[in-house]
């Protein structure tokens, strides 16, 4: 039963990740990472299928193998996430929430720029 739940959650995350490839307001990488995790827990067959897809190879493979992202991936991740955090930062009246969002900005930029290695673009 638990394995089926992992497969369902992984499939939903995959769908959202694919939508995120097309719509720039949704982050792709976290949903694809969730897909990978859930498929690995739920079904070896689903996991093996997923890691052979073009989606995995393009968006996750270098991160999973080398804990690295290309400059383009880093830039898109940072810009999209920053854009999404801008709305609650502007719209909220709570000083505590604003401080928390600013902390998220700082942590996100620090982590992606300094903790995640930069990989070279692959030839297509």
N, C-alpha and C. Protein backbone atom coordinates (compact mmCIF):
# COMPACT_ATOMS: atom_id res chain seq x y z
N UNK A 1 0.82 -1.20 0.00
CA UNK A 1 0.00 0.00 0.00
C UNK A 1 0.86 1.26 0.00
N UNK A 2 1.91 1.28 0.86
CA UNK A 2 2.79 2.44 0.95
C UNK A 2 3.50 2.68 -0.39
N UNK A 3 3.92 1.61 -1.05
CA UNK A 3 4.61 1.75 -2.32
C UNK A 3 3.72 2.39 -3.37
N UNK A 4 2.43 2.05 -3.36
CA UNK A 4 1.49 2.66 -4.30
C UNK A 4 1.34 4.15 -4.03
N UNK A 5 1.35 4.53 -2.76
CA UNK A 5 1.25 5.95 -2.40
C UNK A 5 2.47 6.70 -2.92
N UNK A 6 3.66 6.10 -2.76
CA UNK A 6 4.88 6.72 -3.29
C UNK A 6 4.78 6.90 -4.81
N UNK A 7 4.28 5.91 -5.49
CA UNK A 7 4.16 5.98 -6.96
C UNK A 7 3.16 7.08 -7.34
N UNK A 8 2.06 7.19 -6.63
CA UNK A 8 1.05 8.22 -6.92
C UNK A 8 1.64 9.61 -6.68
N UNK A 9 2.28 9.79 -5.54
CA UNK A 9 2.89 11.10 -5.23
C UNK A 9 3.98 11.42 -6.25
N UNK A 10 4.79 10.43 -6.60
CA UNK A 10 5.83 10.64 -7.61
C UNK A 10 5.26 11.02 -8.95
N UNK A 11 4.16 10.40 -9.33
CA UNK A 11 3.53 10.71 -10.62
C UNK A 11 2.93 12.11 -10.62
N UNK A 12 2.33 12.51 -9.52
CA UNK A 12 1.78 13.88 -9.41
C UNK A 12 2.93 14.89 -9.47
N UNK A 13 4.02 14.60 -8.75
CA UNK A 13 5.18 15.50 -8.77
C UNK A 13 5.77 15.58 -10.18
N UNK A 14 5.81 14.47 -10.89
CA UNK A 14 6.30 14.46 -12.27
C UNK A 14 5.43 15.34 -13.15
N UNK A 15 4.13 15.22 -13.02
CA UNK A 15 3.20 16.04 -13.80
C UNK A 15 3.42 17.52 -13.51
N UNK A 16 3.54 17.88 -12.24
CA UNK A 16 3.77 19.29 -11.88
C UNK A 16 5.14 19.75 -12.40
N UNK A 17 6.14 18.87 -12.32
CA UNK A 17 7.47 19.21 -12.84
C UNK A 17 7.45 19.45 -14.35
N UNK A 18 6.70 18.64 -15.07
CA UNK A 18 6.58 18.82 -16.52
C UNK A 18 5.86 20.12 -16.83
N UNK A 19 4.82 20.43 -16.06
CA UNK A 19 4.14 21.71 -16.24
C UNK A 19 5.11 22.85 -15.94
N UNK A 20 5.98 22.66 -14.93
CA UNK A 20 6.96 23.67 -14.58
C UNK A 20 7.99 23.92 -15.68
N UNK A 21 8.22 22.94 -16.53
CA UNK A 21 9.13 23.15 -17.67
C UNK A 21 8.52 24.16 -18.63
N UNK A 22 7.20 24.08 -18.81
CA UNK A 22 6.50 24.95 -19.75
C UNK A 22 6.14 26.30 -19.12
N UNK A 23 5.65 26.26 -17.87
CA UNK A 23 5.25 27.49 -17.18
C UNK A 23 6.37 27.94 -16.24
N UNK A 24 6.92 29.10 -16.48
CA UNK A 24 8.06 29.52 -15.67
C UNK A 24 7.72 29.88 -14.22
N UNK A 25 6.45 29.88 -13.85
CA UNK A 25 6.11 30.21 -12.46
C UNK A 25 6.24 29.01 -11.53
N UNK A 26 6.33 27.82 -12.09
CA UNK A 26 6.51 26.61 -11.27
C UNK A 26 7.95 26.15 -11.33
N UNK A 27 8.56 25.89 -10.18
CA UNK A 27 9.93 25.37 -10.21
C UNK A 27 9.92 23.90 -10.64
N UNK A 28 10.79 23.54 -11.52
CA UNK A 28 10.84 22.18 -12.06
C UNK A 28 11.65 21.23 -11.18
N UNK A 29 12.85 21.64 -10.81
CA UNK A 29 13.79 20.75 -10.14
C UNK A 29 13.26 20.13 -8.86
N UNK A 30 12.65 20.89 -7.94
CA UNK A 30 12.19 20.24 -6.70
C UNK A 30 11.14 19.16 -6.94
N UNK A 31 10.26 19.38 -7.91
CA UNK A 31 9.24 18.38 -8.19
C UNK A 31 9.84 17.13 -8.83
N UNK A 32 10.84 17.33 -9.68
CA UNK A 32 11.50 16.18 -10.29
C UNK A 32 12.34 15.42 -9.26
N UNK A 33 12.93 16.14 -8.31
CA UNK A 33 13.64 15.46 -7.22
C UNK A 33 12.67 14.63 -6.38
N UNK A 34 11.49 15.20 -6.13
CA UNK A 34 10.47 14.46 -5.39
C UNK A 34 10.03 13.23 -6.18
N UNK A 35 9.88 13.37 -7.47
CA UNK A 35 9.53 12.24 -8.33
C UNK A 35 10.58 11.14 -8.20
N UNK A 36 11.83 11.52 -8.31
CA UNK A 36 12.92 10.55 -8.21
C UNK A 36 12.90 9.83 -6.86
N UNK A 37 12.74 10.58 -5.79
CA UNK A 37 12.70 9.99 -4.44
C UNK A 37 11.52 9.02 -4.30
N UNK A 38 10.34 9.48 -4.71
CA UNK A 38 9.14 8.64 -4.56
C UNK A 38 9.21 7.38 -5.42
N UNK A 39 9.68 7.53 -6.65
CA UNK A 39 9.80 6.35 -7.50
C UNK A 39 10.83 5.37 -6.96
N UNK A 40 11.92 5.90 -6.40
CA UNK A 40 12.94 5.01 -5.82
C UNK A 40 12.37 4.24 -4.63
N UNK A 41 11.51 4.86 -3.84
CA UNK A 41 10.88 4.20 -2.70
C UNK A 41 9.74 3.28 -3.12
N UNK A 42 9.05 3.66 -4.20
CA UNK A 42 7.83 2.95 -4.57
C UNK A 42 8.00 1.81 -5.55
N UNK A 43 8.91 1.96 -6.52
CA UNK A 43 9.01 0.94 -7.56
C UNK A 43 10.34 1.06 -8.29
N UNK A 44 11.09 -0.01 -8.30
CA UNK A 44 12.36 -0.02 -9.03
C UNK A 44 12.11 0.18 -10.52
N UNK A 45 11.04 -0.39 -11.02
CA UNK A 45 10.71 -0.25 -12.44
C UNK A 45 10.42 1.20 -12.82
N UNK A 46 9.59 1.89 -12.00
CA UNK A 46 9.28 3.30 -12.26
C UNK A 46 10.54 4.15 -12.16
N UNK A 47 11.38 3.89 -11.14
CA UNK A 47 12.60 4.65 -10.95
C UNK A 47 13.55 4.46 -12.14
N UNK A 48 13.75 3.22 -12.56
CA UNK A 48 14.62 2.96 -13.70
C UNK A 48 14.11 3.61 -14.97
N UNK A 49 12.79 3.61 -15.15
CA UNK A 49 12.20 4.30 -16.31
C UNK A 49 12.48 5.80 -16.23
N UNK A 50 12.24 6.38 -15.05
CA UNK A 50 12.38 7.83 -14.89
C UNK A 50 13.81 8.29 -15.14
N UNK A 51 14.79 7.59 -14.63
CA UNK A 51 16.18 8.05 -14.79
C UNK A 51 16.68 7.89 -16.23
N UNK A 52 15.92 7.22 -17.07
CA UNK A 52 16.30 7.09 -18.48
C UNK A 52 15.59 8.12 -19.37
N UNK A 53 14.68 8.91 -18.79
CA UNK A 53 13.94 9.89 -19.59
C UNK A 53 14.79 11.12 -19.89
N UNK A 54 14.43 11.84 -20.95
CA UNK A 54 15.12 13.08 -21.31
C UNK A 54 14.92 14.14 -20.23
N UNK A 55 13.77 14.12 -19.59
CA UNK A 55 13.48 15.10 -18.53
C UNK A 55 14.49 14.94 -17.40
N UNK A 56 14.72 13.71 -16.97
CA UNK A 56 15.68 13.46 -15.89
C UNK A 56 17.08 13.87 -16.33
N UNK A 57 17.47 13.44 -17.51
CA UNK A 57 18.82 13.71 -17.98
C UNK A 57 19.08 15.21 -18.13
N UNK A 58 18.09 15.94 -18.58
CA UNK A 58 18.27 17.38 -18.81
C UNK A 58 18.22 18.17 -17.50
N UNK A 59 17.31 17.84 -16.60
CA UNK A 59 17.06 18.68 -15.44
C UNK A 59 17.67 18.19 -14.13
N UNK A 60 17.94 16.90 -14.01
CA UNK A 60 18.38 16.37 -12.72
C UNK A 60 19.70 15.62 -12.72
N UNK A 61 20.06 15.02 -13.80
CA UNK A 61 21.19 14.10 -13.80
C UNK A 61 22.47 14.72 -13.24
N UNK A 62 22.83 15.91 -13.70
CA UNK A 62 24.08 16.51 -13.22
C UNK A 62 23.97 16.87 -11.74
N UNK A 63 22.79 17.29 -11.31
CA UNK A 63 22.63 17.63 -9.90
C UNK A 63 22.73 16.39 -9.02
N UNK A 64 22.07 15.32 -9.42
CA UNK A 64 22.07 14.10 -8.62
C UNK A 64 23.46 13.46 -8.60
N UNK A 65 24.12 13.41 -9.75
CA UNK A 65 25.42 12.74 -9.82
C UNK A 65 26.54 13.57 -9.21
N UNK A 66 26.55 14.86 -9.48
CA UNK A 66 27.68 15.70 -9.09
C UNK A 66 27.32 16.80 -8.10
N UNK A 67 26.06 16.86 -7.74
CA UNK A 67 25.58 17.94 -6.89
C UNK A 67 25.96 19.28 -7.51
N UNK A 68 25.65 19.40 -8.81
CA UNK A 68 25.99 20.61 -9.55
C UNK A 68 24.85 20.99 -10.49
N UNK A 69 24.85 22.27 -10.88
CA UNK A 69 23.87 22.79 -11.83
C UNK A 69 24.63 23.65 -12.83
N UNK A 70 24.08 23.76 -14.03
CA UNK A 70 24.67 24.66 -15.01
C UNK A 70 24.35 26.10 -14.60
N UNK A 71 25.08 27.04 -15.18
CA UNK A 71 24.83 28.45 -14.90
C UNK A 71 23.39 28.81 -15.29
N UNK A 72 22.95 28.28 -16.40
CA UNK A 72 21.59 28.55 -16.86
C UNK A 72 20.55 28.04 -15.86
N UNK A 73 20.76 26.82 -15.35
CA UNK A 73 19.83 26.25 -14.38
C UNK A 73 19.84 27.05 -13.08
N UNK A 74 21.03 27.43 -12.64
CA UNK A 74 21.12 28.26 -11.43
C UNK A 74 20.38 29.58 -11.61
N UNK A 75 20.61 30.22 -12.75
CA UNK A 75 19.98 31.52 -13.01
C UNK A 75 18.46 31.38 -13.08
N UNK A 76 17.98 30.37 -13.76
CA UNK A 76 16.52 30.22 -13.87
C UNK A 76 15.91 29.85 -12.52
N UNK A 77 16.59 29.00 -11.76
CA UNK A 77 16.09 28.62 -10.44
C UNK A 77 16.01 29.84 -9.52
N UNK A 78 17.08 30.61 -9.49
CA UNK A 78 17.11 31.79 -8.62
C UNK A 78 16.10 32.85 -9.07
N UNK A 79 16.02 33.09 -10.35
CA UNK A 79 15.11 34.15 -10.82
C UNK A 79 13.65 33.77 -10.60
N UNK A 80 13.29 32.53 -10.91
CA UNK A 80 11.90 32.13 -10.74
C UNK A 80 11.50 32.08 -9.27
N UNK A 81 12.36 31.53 -8.44
CA UNK A 81 12.04 31.47 -7.02
C UNK A 81 12.00 32.87 -6.41
N UNK A 82 12.89 33.74 -6.84
CA UNK A 82 12.89 35.12 -6.34
C UNK A 82 11.61 35.84 -6.75
N UNK A 83 11.21 35.62 -7.98
CA UNK A 83 9.98 36.23 -8.48
C UNK A 83 8.77 35.76 -7.67
N UNK A 84 8.74 34.46 -7.37
CA UNK A 84 7.61 33.92 -6.61
C UNK A 84 7.60 34.43 -5.16
N UNK A 85 8.76 34.62 -4.56
CA UNK A 85 8.82 35.12 -3.18
C UNK A 85 8.55 36.62 -3.10
N UNK A 86 8.67 37.30 -4.22
CA UNK A 86 8.44 38.74 -4.23
C UNK A 86 7.00 39.09 -3.89
N UNK A 87 6.05 38.30 -4.34
CA UNK A 87 4.64 38.58 -4.09
C UNK A 87 4.29 38.60 -2.60
N UNK A 88 4.60 37.54 -1.85
CA UNK A 88 4.28 37.62 -0.42
C UNK A 88 5.09 38.69 0.31
N UNK A 89 6.30 38.96 -0.17
CA UNK A 89 7.11 40.00 0.46
C UNK A 89 6.44 41.37 0.33
N UNK A 90 5.88 41.63 -0.83
CA UNK A 90 5.22 42.92 -1.07
C UNK A 90 3.83 42.96 -0.44
N UNK A 91 3.10 41.87 -0.52
CA UNK A 91 1.70 41.88 -0.12
C UNK A 91 1.44 41.70 1.37
N UNK A 92 2.40 41.21 2.11
CA UNK A 92 2.14 40.96 3.53
C UNK A 92 2.38 42.20 4.37
N UNK A 93 1.61 42.30 5.44
CA UNK A 93 1.81 43.38 6.40
C UNK A 93 2.61 42.92 7.61
N UNK A 94 2.85 41.63 7.70
CA UNK A 94 3.53 41.05 8.85
C UNK A 94 5.05 41.24 8.73
N UNK A 95 5.62 41.93 9.69
CA UNK A 95 7.07 42.15 9.69
C UNK A 95 7.80 40.82 9.88
N UNK A 96 7.22 39.92 10.67
CA UNK A 96 7.84 38.61 10.90
C UNK A 96 7.92 37.80 9.60
N UNK A 97 6.85 37.83 8.84
CA UNK A 97 6.84 37.10 7.57
C UNK A 97 7.83 37.73 6.59
N UNK A 98 7.91 39.05 6.58
CA UNK A 98 8.88 39.72 5.69
C UNK A 98 10.32 39.35 6.06
N UNK A 99 10.61 39.32 7.34
CA UNK A 99 11.95 38.94 7.79
C UNK A 99 12.24 37.50 7.38
N UNK A 100 11.26 36.62 7.55
CA UNK A 100 11.43 35.22 7.16
C UNK A 100 11.69 35.11 5.65
N UNK A 101 10.94 35.85 4.85
CA UNK A 101 11.12 35.79 3.39
C UNK A 101 12.50 36.33 3.00
N UNK A 102 12.94 37.39 3.64
CA UNK A 102 14.28 37.92 3.38
C UNK A 102 15.34 36.87 3.74
N UNK A 103 15.13 36.18 4.88
CA UNK A 103 16.03 35.10 5.26
C UNK A 103 16.05 34.01 4.18
N UNK A 104 14.88 33.67 3.64
CA UNK A 104 14.80 32.67 2.57
C UNK A 104 15.59 33.12 1.34
N UNK A 105 15.46 34.40 0.97
CA UNK A 105 16.23 34.93 -0.15
C UNK A 105 17.72 34.74 0.09
N UNK A 106 18.19 35.16 1.25
CA UNK A 106 19.62 35.07 1.57
C UNK A 106 20.08 33.63 1.54
N UNK A 107 19.34 32.74 2.18
CA UNK A 107 19.72 31.33 2.22
C UNK A 107 19.73 30.71 0.83
N UNK A 108 18.70 31.01 0.05
CA UNK A 108 18.58 30.44 -1.30
C UNK A 108 19.76 30.86 -2.17
N UNK A 109 20.08 32.16 -2.15
CA UNK A 109 21.20 32.63 -2.96
C UNK A 109 22.53 32.06 -2.46
N UNK A 110 22.73 32.05 -1.16
CA UNK A 110 23.95 31.49 -0.60
C UNK A 110 24.10 30.02 -1.01
N UNK A 111 23.04 29.24 -0.81
CA UNK A 111 23.13 27.81 -1.08
C UNK A 111 23.39 27.52 -2.55
N UNK A 112 22.63 28.13 -3.43
CA UNK A 112 22.77 27.83 -4.86
C UNK A 112 24.07 28.39 -5.43
N UNK A 113 24.48 29.57 -4.99
CA UNK A 113 25.70 30.15 -5.54
C UNK A 113 26.98 29.56 -4.95
N UNK A 114 26.95 29.21 -3.67
CA UNK A 114 28.20 28.80 -3.03
C UNK A 114 28.25 27.32 -2.64
N UNK A 115 27.15 26.67 -2.47
CA UNK A 115 27.16 25.27 -2.03
C UNK A 115 26.92 24.28 -3.17
N UNK A 116 26.26 24.72 -4.24
CA UNK A 116 26.01 23.87 -5.40
C UNK A 116 27.06 24.20 -6.46
N UNK A 117 27.82 23.19 -6.87
CA UNK A 117 28.87 23.41 -7.87
C UNK A 117 28.24 23.82 -9.21
N UNK A 118 29.03 24.52 -10.00
CA UNK A 118 28.60 24.93 -11.31
C UNK A 118 29.13 23.94 -12.35
N UNK A 119 28.21 23.34 -13.09
CA UNK A 119 28.57 22.36 -14.11
C UNK A 119 28.62 23.05 -15.47
N UNK A 120 29.37 22.47 -16.39
CA UNK A 120 29.43 22.99 -17.75
C UNK A 120 28.19 22.55 -18.50
N UNK A 121 27.76 23.40 -19.44
CA UNK A 121 26.63 23.06 -20.31
C UNK A 121 27.00 21.84 -21.14
N UNK A 122 26.04 20.93 -21.26
CA UNK A 122 26.26 19.76 -22.11
C UNK A 122 25.90 20.07 -23.54
N UNK A 123 26.60 19.46 -24.47
CA UNK A 123 26.27 19.60 -25.89
C UNK A 123 24.96 18.88 -26.14
N UNK A 124 24.12 19.49 -26.93
CA UNK A 124 22.80 18.89 -27.18
C UNK A 124 22.74 18.16 -28.47
